[in-house]
Structure formats: structure tokens, C-alpha cells
Amino acid sequence: MTTPEFERFRISLGDATPPADLSLALVGLWYDGRGDWEAAHRKVENGDSVDEAGVHDYLHRKEGDLANAGYWYRRCDHTQSSGSLDEEWRQIVTLLLARLADD
């Protein structure tokens, strides 16, 4: 099920810059959603939160560096996804948007 928050996030991918109210992890996913893996990685690589580590693991899985992805999955105590990358991106975005709404 698609939430209104997810739809707003998805639509914002057409904007020149990410929405100002996003967490660093969501900014990383925003850049990845626009096809800019490098910018996405730069946003989360120095982050120290579990959310940033979770995006970092996804990005390295997407890159094909499964050993590095495994390190980040273990660091944030996630099980490495076996679904599609699109499915994982959507799940992470939805989870982080829900957390943002709860704050």
C-alpha cells in the first residue's frame, strides 16, 4: 500500500533539491531514487545512525559489493534483503518516512 507521504516523496524526485525536512538517510534515498548513487552514498557514508547504516547497506547491495553490504547490514542489525532493489528502496523509504512523521 502506498502512503500519501511516500507519494509526496516519490513526486519530489522531480524537484531540483530534496525536501528540507528529510533526515540524512532519506536524503540519501532521495538521490538514489533520482539515479545518483554517488550523491546518495556521499550523504550517508559518514553518518552514524542506524538509519544511515541501513541506507548504506542497501546502496552497497545495489552497487554489487555484497561483502561491504554485509558489513553494513550487520552493523545496523538488519537481515540482508533477498527481494528486488526497488522493493527494498520502497520499504526503507516507507519505514523512514513513518519514523519522521512520528517525531
Protein backbone atom coordinates (compact mmCIF):
# COMPACT_ATOMS: atom_id res chain seq x y z
CA MET A 1 0.00 0.00 0.00
CA THR A 2 1.31 3.43 -0.91
CA THR A 3 1.05 6.15 1.71
CA PRO A 4 0.50 9.84 0.95
CA GLU A 5 3.94 10.56 2.45
CA PHE A 6 5.56 8.05 0.10
CA GLU A 7 3.76 9.58 -2.89
CA ARG A 8 4.94 13.07 -1.92
CA PHE A 9 8.49 11.72 -1.58
CA ARG A 10 8.27 9.97 -4.95
CA ILE A 11 6.92 13.10 -6.64
CA SER A 12 9.69 15.21 -5.07
CA LEU A 13 12.25 13.18 -7.06
CA GLY A 14 11.41 15.51 -9.94
CA ASP A 15 12.50 18.57 -7.95
CA ALA A 16 15.97 20.10 -8.17
CA THR A 17 16.71 19.54 -4.46
CA PRO A 18 15.39 17.21 -1.78
CA PRO A 19 12.68 18.44 0.59
CA ALA A 20 14.19 20.36 3.51
CA ASP A 21 12.53 18.28 6.24
CA LEU A 22 14.13 14.92 5.34
CA SER A 23 16.55 13.01 7.54
CA LEU A 24 20.05 12.39 6.20
CA ALA A 25 19.12 8.77 5.43
CA LEU A 26 16.08 9.90 3.43
CA VAL A 27 18.17 12.46 1.55
CA GLY A 28 20.45 9.59 0.55
CA LEU A 29 17.47 7.60 -0.68
CA TRP A 30 16.16 10.68 -2.49
CA TYR A 31 19.38 10.94 -4.50
CA ASP A 32 19.35 7.22 -5.17
CA GLY A 33 15.74 7.47 -6.35
CA ARG A 34 16.95 10.04 -8.89
CA GLY A 35 19.61 7.61 -10.11
CA ASP A 36 22.56 9.36 -8.43
CA TRP A 37 24.21 6.56 -6.45
CA GLU A 38 27.36 8.61 -5.81
CA ALA A 39 25.47 11.51 -4.21
CA ALA A 40 23.38 9.06 -2.20
CA HIS A 41 26.50 7.35 -0.89
CA ARG A 42 28.18 10.67 -0.02
CA LYS A 43 25.14 11.64 2.06
CA VAL A 44 25.14 8.52 4.25
CA GLU A 45 28.74 7.29 4.30
CA ASN A 46 29.78 9.41 7.28
CA GLY A 47 26.52 9.15 9.16
CA ASP A 48 26.47 7.34 12.46
CA SER A 49 22.80 6.48 12.89
CA VAL A 50 21.26 3.07 12.35
CA ASP A 51 19.08 4.60 9.61
CA GLU A 52 22.11 5.86 7.70
CA ALA A 53 23.79 2.47 8.08
CA GLY A 54 20.61 0.86 6.74
CA VAL A 55 20.71 3.04 3.63
CA HIS A 56 24.45 2.41 3.33
CA ASP A 57 23.90 -1.36 3.29
CA TYR A 58 21.22 -1.05 0.61
CA LEU A 59 23.50 1.15 -1.54
CA HIS A 60 26.37 -1.33 -1.41
CA ARG A 61 23.98 -4.17 -2.27
CA LYS A 62 22.81 -2.11 -5.24
CA GLU A 63 26.43 -1.47 -6.22
CA GLY A 64 27.06 -5.21 -6.19
CA ASP A 65 29.60 -5.04 -3.35
CA LEU A 66 27.91 -7.74 -1.27
CA ALA A 67 30.78 -8.12 1.22
CA ASN A 68 30.62 -4.41 2.07
CA ALA A 69 26.82 -4.54 2.11
CA GLY A 70 27.00 -7.46 4.53
CA TYR A 71 29.18 -5.43 6.88
CA TRP A 72 26.63 -2.60 6.93
CA TYR A 73 23.67 -4.98 7.29
CA ARG A 74 25.36 -6.50 10.34
CA ARG A 75 26.24 -3.06 11.72
CA CYS A 76 22.61 -1.98 11.72
CA ASP A 77 21.36 -5.46 12.70
CA HIS A 78 19.31 -5.94 9.52
CA THR A 79 18.91 -9.14 7.59
CA GLN A 80 20.19 -8.68 4.06
CA SER A 81 17.25 -8.30 1.73
CA SER A 82 16.58 -11.00 -0.83
CA GLY A 83 13.89 -9.03 -2.65
CA SER A 84 14.35 -6.68 -5.54
CA LEU A 85 16.31 -3.48 -5.09
CA ASP A 86 13.19 -1.47 -5.98
CA GLU A 87 11.22 -3.30 -3.30
CA GLU A 88 13.94 -2.71 -0.70
CA TRP A 89 14.17 1.00 -1.61
CA ARG A 90 10.41 1.37 -1.22
CA GLN A 91 10.42 -0.45 2.13
CA ILE A 92 13.23 1.66 3.55
CA VAL A 93 11.68 4.93 2.34
CA THR A 94 8.29 3.96 3.79
CA LEU A 95 9.83 3.00 7.16
CA LEU A 96 11.91 6.17 7.43
CA LEU A 97 9.01 8.41 6.41
CA ALA A 98 6.87 6.80 9.11
CA ARG A 99 9.60 7.48 11.68
CA LEU A 100 9.84 11.07 10.51
CA ALA A 101 6.08 11.50 10.92
CA ASP A 102 6.28 10.12 14.48
CA ASP A 103 8.88 12.69 15.53
